[in-house]
Amino acid sequence: MALATATLAGGCFWCTEAVFNELRGVEHVESGYIGGEVPNPSYEQVCSGRTGHAEAVRISFDEAQVSYADLLDIFFHTHDPTTLNRQGADTGTQYRSAIFPHSPEQRAEAEVAIARNQPVWDHPIVTSIEADAPWYPAEAYHQRYFERNGTANGYCAAVVAPKLAKFRKGYAARLKSAA
């Protein structure tokens, strides 16, 4: 089975990773950094806001089970794409809403998805479509963070868990557990 790749930045990568890890058709989600100027940045460097990188996820998915358009719609429904460089209390360019297409077709689909999802929001979508760039996997302790730490981490309890609950309710038939 050949897998396709999507790279999305929607705030803290713990949140985004937790959502897409549960979606049927998604084979692997990796948290990492993209879109900056510093090679091989550390979490601390990215958090400083001075590297230009976004916290993002790279999703490997089976297009026979879930389309790129579906991933984009879920992306727009599981974060606030109308806040510039901010998701909740997380602020800075590292938390920007961005799509990093891997082909001209993905870029075109991203443009269509923004237009398709704009009516859902009261304010303009500010999600950027940025050029594909070098990908740097985040440190091992960030991978599958919510799955390993759950609500024992205060941020996860306050931010990730409610977002995941909303996703599970809205997409119950599309979850791996529903297969």
C-alpha atoms as a PDB file:
ATOM      1  CA  MET A   1       0.000   0.000   0.000  1.00  0.00           C
ATOM      2  CA  ALA A   2       1.432   3.372  -1.020  1.00  0.00           C
ATOM      3  CA  LEU A   3       0.856   6.095   1.523  1.00  0.00           C
ATOM      4  CA  ALA A   4       0.386   9.798   0.882  1.00  0.00           C
ATOM      5  CA  THR A   5       1.755  12.530   3.140  1.00  0.00           C
ATOM      6  CA  ALA A   6       0.154  15.648   4.596  1.00  0.00           C
ATOM      7  CA  THR A   7       1.938  18.248   6.729  1.00  0.00           C
ATOM      8  CA  LEU A   8      -0.208  20.525   8.880  1.00  0.00           C
ATOM      9  CA  ALA A   9       0.458  23.073  11.620  1.00  0.00           C
ATOM     10  CA  GLY A  10      -2.459  23.902  13.899  1.00  0.00           C
ATOM     11  CA  GLY A  11      -0.987  25.055  17.189  1.00  0.00           C
ATOM     12  CA  CYS A  12       0.539  22.681  19.707  1.00  0.00           C
ATOM     13  CA  PHE A  13       1.517  19.471  17.969  1.00  0.00           C
ATOM     14  CA  TRP A  14       0.376  17.379  20.927  1.00  0.00           C
ATOM     15  CA  CYS A  15      -3.211  18.370  20.109  1.00  0.00           C
ATOM     16  CA  THR A  16      -2.979  17.863  16.360  1.00  0.00           C
ATOM     17  CA  GLU A  17      -1.175  14.543  16.683  1.00  0.00           C
ATOM     18  CA  ALA A  18      -3.756  13.195  19.152  1.00  0.00           C
ATOM     19  CA  VAL A  19      -6.607  13.945  16.747  1.00  0.00           C
ATOM     20  CA  PHE A  20      -5.086  12.416  13.620  1.00  0.00           C
ATOM     21  CA  ASN A  21      -3.737   9.344  15.426  1.00  0.00           C
ATOM     22  CA  GLU A  22      -7.343   8.250  15.980  1.00  0.00           C
ATOM     23  CA  LEU A  23      -8.558   8.719  12.402  1.00  0.00           C
ATOM     24  CA  ARG A  24      -9.154   5.638  10.286  1.00  0.00           C
ATOM     25  CA  GLY A  25      -6.858   5.635   7.249  1.00  0.00           C
ATOM     26  CA  VAL A  26      -4.043   7.411   9.065  1.00  0.00           C
ATOM     27  CA  GLU A  27      -1.113   5.040   9.382  1.00  0.00           C
ATOM     28  CA  HIS A  28       1.385   7.258  11.198  1.00  0.00           C
ATOM     29  CA  VAL A  29       1.603  10.755  12.685  1.00  0.00           C
ATOM     30  CA  GLU A  30       4.908  12.363  13.563  1.00  0.00           C
ATOM     31  CA  SER A  31       5.292  15.631  15.465  1.00  0.00           C
ATOM     32  CA  GLY A  32       8.000  17.965  14.247  1.00  0.00           C
ATOM     33  CA  TYR A  33       9.131  21.354  13.053  1.00  0.00           C
ATOM     34  CA  ILE A  34       8.878  22.941   9.601  1.00  0.00           C
ATOM     35  CA  GLY A  35       9.067  26.296   7.911  1.00  0.00           C
ATOM     36  CA  GLY A  36      12.027  27.897   9.672  1.00  0.00           C
ATOM     37  CA  GLU A  37      15.588  28.904   9.017  1.00  0.00           C
ATOM     38  CA  VAL A  38      17.533  26.983  11.674  1.00  0.00           C
ATOM     39  CA  PRO A  39      18.647  23.449  10.732  1.00  0.00           C
ATOM     40  CA  ASN A  40      17.762  20.708  13.245  1.00  0.00           C
ATOM     41  CA  PRO A  41      16.067  22.993  15.761  1.00  0.00           C
ATOM     42  CA  SER A  42      15.380  21.875  19.309  1.00  0.00           C
ATOM     43  CA  TYR A  43      12.030  22.279  21.045  1.00  0.00           C
ATOM     44  CA  GLU A  44      13.502  25.036  23.186  1.00  0.00           C
ATOM     45  CA  GLN A  45      14.724  26.909  20.092  1.00  0.00           C
ATOM     46  CA  VAL A  46      11.352  26.611  18.352  1.00  0.00           C
ATOM     47  CA  CYS A  47       9.511  27.716  21.514  1.00  0.00           C
ATOM     48  CA  SER A  48      11.617  30.894  21.561  1.00  0.00           C
ATOM     49  CA  GLY A  49       9.802  31.971  18.401  1.00  0.00           C
ATOM     50  CA  ARG A  50      13.102  32.971  16.787  1.00  0.00           C
ATOM     51  CA  THR A  51      13.638  30.047  14.384  1.00  0.00           C
ATOM     52  CA  GLY A  52      10.629  30.619  12.127  1.00  0.00           C
ATOM     53  CA  HIS A  53       9.499  27.006  12.515  1.00  0.00           C
ATOM     54  CA  ALA A  54       5.959  25.903  13.236  1.00  0.00           C
ATOM     55  CA  GLU A  55       5.050  22.994  15.472  1.00  0.00           C
ATOM     56  CA  ALA A  56       3.441  20.638  12.975  1.00  0.00           C
ATOM     57  CA  VAL A  57       2.484  17.060  12.242  1.00  0.00           C
ATOM     58  CA  ARG A  58       3.427  14.925   9.275  1.00  0.00           C
ATOM     59  CA  ILE A  59       0.632  12.469   8.514  1.00  0.00           C
ATOM     60  CA  SER A  60       1.077   9.270   6.485  1.00  0.00           C
ATOM     61  CA  PHE A  61      -2.330   8.180   5.227  1.00  0.00           C
ATOM     62  CA  ASP A  62      -4.046   5.706   2.927  1.00  0.00           C
ATOM     63  CA  GLU A  63      -5.969   7.684   0.306  1.00  0.00           C
ATOM     64  CA  ALA A  64      -8.272   4.703  -0.231  1.00  0.00           C
ATOM     65  CA  GLN A  65      -9.582   5.247   3.326  1.00  0.00           C
ATOM     66  CA  VAL A  66      -9.265   8.987   3.897  1.00  0.00           C
ATOM     67  CA  SER A  67      -8.688  11.757   1.383  1.00  0.00           C
ATOM     68  CA  TYR A  68      -6.427  14.780   1.668  1.00  0.00           C
ATOM     69  CA  ALA A  69      -9.583  16.921   1.470  1.00  0.00           C
ATOM     70  CA  ASP A  70     -10.998  15.025   4.474  1.00  0.00           C
ATOM     71  CA  LEU A  71      -7.787  15.626   6.431  1.00  0.00           C
ATOM     72  CA  LEU A  72      -8.003  19.337   5.655  1.00  0.00           C
ATOM     73  CA  ASP A  73     -11.653  19.549   6.753  1.00  0.00           C
ATOM     74  CA  ILE A  74     -10.800  17.803  10.031  1.00  0.00           C
ATOM     75  CA  PHE A  75      -7.827  20.151  10.443  1.00  0.00           C
ATOM     76  CA  PHE A  76     -10.125  23.176  10.064  1.00  0.00           C
ATOM     77  CA  HIS A  77     -12.677  21.721  12.496  1.00  0.00           C
ATOM     78  CA  THR A  78     -10.181  20.873  15.243  1.00  0.00           C
ATOM     79  CA  HIS A  79      -8.320  24.162  15.685  1.00  0.00           C
ATOM     80  CA  ASP A  80      -9.115  27.858  15.290  1.00  0.00           C
ATOM     81  CA  PRO A  81      -7.790  28.894  11.871  1.00  0.00           C
ATOM     82  CA  THR A  82      -8.878  32.510  12.420  1.00  0.00           C
ATOM     83  CA  THR A  83      -6.304  33.490  15.047  1.00  0.00           C
ATOM     84  CA  LEU A  84      -2.953  34.668  13.719  1.00  0.00           C
ATOM     85  CA  ASN A  85       0.008  32.981  15.408  1.00  0.00           C
ATOM     86  CA  ARG A  86      -2.126  31.771  18.282  1.00  0.00           C
ATOM     87  CA  GLN A  87      -4.102  28.781  19.525  1.00  0.00           C
ATOM     88  CA  GLY A  88      -5.691  29.501  22.882  1.00  0.00           C
ATOM     89  CA  ALA A  89      -2.977  30.565  25.310  1.00  0.00           C
ATOM     90  CA  ASP A  90      -0.206  29.344  22.975  1.00  0.00           C
ATOM     91  CA  THR A  91       1.125  32.398  21.122  1.00  0.00           C
ATOM     92  CA  GLY A  92       3.892  32.966  18.614  1.00  0.00           C
ATOM     93  CA  THR A  93       4.666  32.064  15.019  1.00  0.00           C
ATOM     94  CA  GLN A  94       5.504  28.524  16.140  1.00  0.00           C
ATOM     95  CA  TYR A  95       1.753  28.051  16.791  1.00  0.00           C
ATOM     96  CA  ARG A  96       0.574  29.417  13.445  1.00  0.00           C
ATOM     97  CA  SER A  97      -2.077  27.717  11.379  1.00  0.00           C
ATOM     98  CA  ALA A  98      -0.378  26.523   8.192  1.00  0.00           C
ATOM     99  CA  ILE A  99      -0.582  23.929   5.465  1.00  0.00           C
ATOM    100  CA  PHE A 100       2.613  22.683   3.808  1.00  0.00           C
ATOM    101  CA  PRO A 101       1.524  21.020   0.537  1.00  0.00           C
ATOM    102  CA  HIS A 102       3.708  18.325  -0.995  1.00  0.00           C
ATOM    103  CA  SER A 103       2.492  18.860  -4.565  1.00  0.00           C
ATOM    104  CA  PRO A 104       0.691  21.388  -6.758  1.00  0.00           C
ATOM    105  CA  GLU A 105      -2.443  19.238  -6.380  1.00  0.00           C
ATOM    106  CA  GLN A 106      -2.270  19.467  -2.581  1.00  0.00           C
ATOM    107  CA  ARG A 107      -1.771  23.246  -2.848  1.00  0.00           C
ATOM    108  CA  ALA A 108      -4.891  23.534  -5.012  1.00  0.00           C
ATOM    109  CA  GLU A 109      -6.851  21.347  -2.582  1.00  0.00           C
ATOM    110  CA  ALA A 110      -5.675  23.513   0.332  1.00  0.00           C
ATOM    111  CA  GLU A 111      -6.961  26.654  -1.411  1.00  0.00           C
ATOM    112  CA  VAL A 112     -10.324  24.985  -2.035  1.00  0.00           C
ATOM    113  CA  ALA A 113     -10.487  23.749   1.575  1.00  0.00           C
ATOM    114  CA  ILE A 114      -9.948  27.245   2.947  1.00  0.00           C
ATOM    115  CA  ALA A 115     -12.811  28.559   0.810  1.00  0.00           C
ATOM    116  CA  ARG A 116     -15.023  25.572   1.703  1.00  0.00           C
ATOM    117  CA  ASN A 117     -14.439  26.007   5.442  1.00  0.00           C
ATOM    118  CA  GLN A 118     -14.627  29.814   5.632  1.00  0.00           C
ATOM    119  CA  PRO A 119     -18.460  29.871   6.087  1.00  0.00           C
ATOM    120  CA  VAL A 120     -18.075  27.888   9.326  1.00  0.00           C
ATOM    121  CA  TRP A 121     -16.103  30.737  10.917  1.00  0.00           C
ATOM    122  CA  ASP A 122     -17.226  34.251  11.924  1.00  0.00           C
ATOM    123  CA  HIS A 123     -13.788  35.710  11.171  1.00  0.00           C
ATOM    124  CA  PRO A 124     -11.499  35.259   8.149  1.00  0.00           C
ATOM    125  CA  ILE A 125      -9.365  32.134   8.043  1.00  0.00           C
ATOM    126  CA  VAL A 126      -5.708  33.175   8.343  1.00  0.00           C
ATOM    127  CA  THR A 127      -4.203  29.746   7.680  1.00  0.00           C
ATOM    128  CA  SER A 128      -1.172  30.161   5.453  1.00  0.00           C
ATOM    129  CA  ILE A 129      -0.247  27.849   2.618  1.00  0.00           C
ATOM    130  CA  GLU A 130       3.522  27.630   2.762  1.00  0.00           C
ATOM    131  CA  ALA A 131       6.132  25.970   0.580  1.00  0.00           C
ATOM    132  CA  ASP A 132       7.200  22.480   1.529  1.00  0.00           C
ATOM    133  CA  ALA A 133      10.368  22.821   3.564  1.00  0.00           C
ATOM    134  CA  PRO A 134      12.833  20.635   5.431  1.00  0.00           C
ATOM    135  CA  TRP A 135      11.097  18.526   8.074  1.00  0.00           C
ATOM    136  CA  TYR A 136      12.689  17.992  11.466  1.00  0.00           C
ATOM    137  CA  PRO A 137      11.107  15.345  13.707  1.00  0.00           C
ATOM    138  CA  ALA A 138      10.486  16.562  17.243  1.00  0.00           C
ATOM    139  CA  GLU A 139      12.305  14.954  20.142  1.00  0.00           C
ATOM    140  CA  ALA A 140      11.177  11.427  21.050  1.00  0.00           C
ATOM    141  CA  TYR A 141       9.332  12.556  24.184  1.00  0.00           C
ATOM    142  CA  HIS A 142       6.938  14.613  22.014  1.00  0.00           C
ATOM    143  CA  GLN A 143       5.863  11.647  19.882  1.00  0.00           C
ATOM    144  CA  ARG A 144       2.442  10.256  20.870  1.00  0.00           C
ATOM    145  CA  TYR A 145       2.608  12.624  23.824  1.00  0.00           C
ATOM    146  CA  PHE A 146      -1.073  12.642  24.742  1.00  0.00           C
ATOM    147  CA  GLU A 147      -1.349   8.880  24.332  1.00  0.00           C
ATOM    148  CA  ARG A 148       1.517   8.369  26.795  1.00  0.00           C
ATOM    149  CA  ASN A 149       0.702  11.179  29.261  1.00  0.00           C
ATOM    150  CA  GLY A 150      -3.044  11.678  28.978  1.00  0.00           C
ATOM    151  CA  THR A 151      -4.607  13.939  31.530  1.00  0.00           C
ATOM    152  CA  ALA A 152      -1.708  13.528  33.981  1.00  0.00           C
ATOM    153  CA  ASN A 153      -0.236  16.578  32.259  1.00  0.00           C
ATOM    154  CA  GLY A 154      -2.197  19.741  33.133  1.00  0.00           C
ATOM    155  CA  TYR A 155      -2.002  21.175  29.608  1.00  0.00           C
ATOM    156  CA  CYS A 156      -3.259  17.899  28.160  1.00  0.00           C
ATOM    157  CA  ALA A 157      -6.139  17.773  30.647  1.00  0.00           C
ATOM    158  CA  ALA A 158      -7.177  21.366  29.942  1.00  0.00           C
ATOM    159  CA  VAL A 159      -6.529  21.600  26.196  1.00  0.00           C
ATOM    160  CA  VAL A 160      -5.904  18.286  24.436  1.00  0.00           C
ATOM    161  CA  ALA A 161      -8.564  16.150  26.153  1.00  0.00           C
ATOM    162  CA  PRO A 162     -11.514  18.500  25.378  1.00  0.00           C
ATOM    163  CA  LYS A 163     -10.345  18.914  21.765  1.00  0.00           C
ATOM    164  CA  LEU A 164     -10.064  15.146  21.378  1.00  0.00           C
ATOM    165  CA  ALA A 165     -13.501  14.595  22.954  1.00  0.00           C
ATOM    166  CA  LYS A 166     -15.055  17.060  20.490  1.00  0.00           C
ATOM    167  CA  PHE A 167     -13.292  15.322  17.593  1.00  0.00           C
ATOM    168  CA  ARG A 168     -14.418  11.860  18.751  1.00  0.00           C
ATOM    169  CA  LYS A 169     -18.026  13.026  19.018  1.00  0.00           C
ATOM    170  CA  GLY A 170     -18.079  14.722  15.616  1.00  0.00           C
ATOM    171  CA  TYR A 171     -16.200  11.999  13.757  1.00  0.00           C
ATOM    172  CA  ALA A 172     -17.229   8.852  15.658  1.00  0.00           C
ATOM    173  CA  ALA A 173     -17.876   6.822  12.495  1.00  0.00           C
ATOM    174  CA  ARG A 174     -14.422   7.738  11.115  1.00  0.00           C
ATOM    175  CA  LEU A 175     -12.377   6.623  14.120  1.00  0.00           C
ATOM    176  CA  LYS A 176     -10.072   3.607  14.059  1.00  0.00           C
ATOM    177  CA  SER A 177     -11.996   2.272  17.035  1.00  0.00           C
ATOM    178  CA  ALA A 178     -15.217   2.275  14.960  1.00  0.00           C
ATOM    179  CA  ALA A 179     -13.706   0.023  12.270  1.00  0.00           C
END
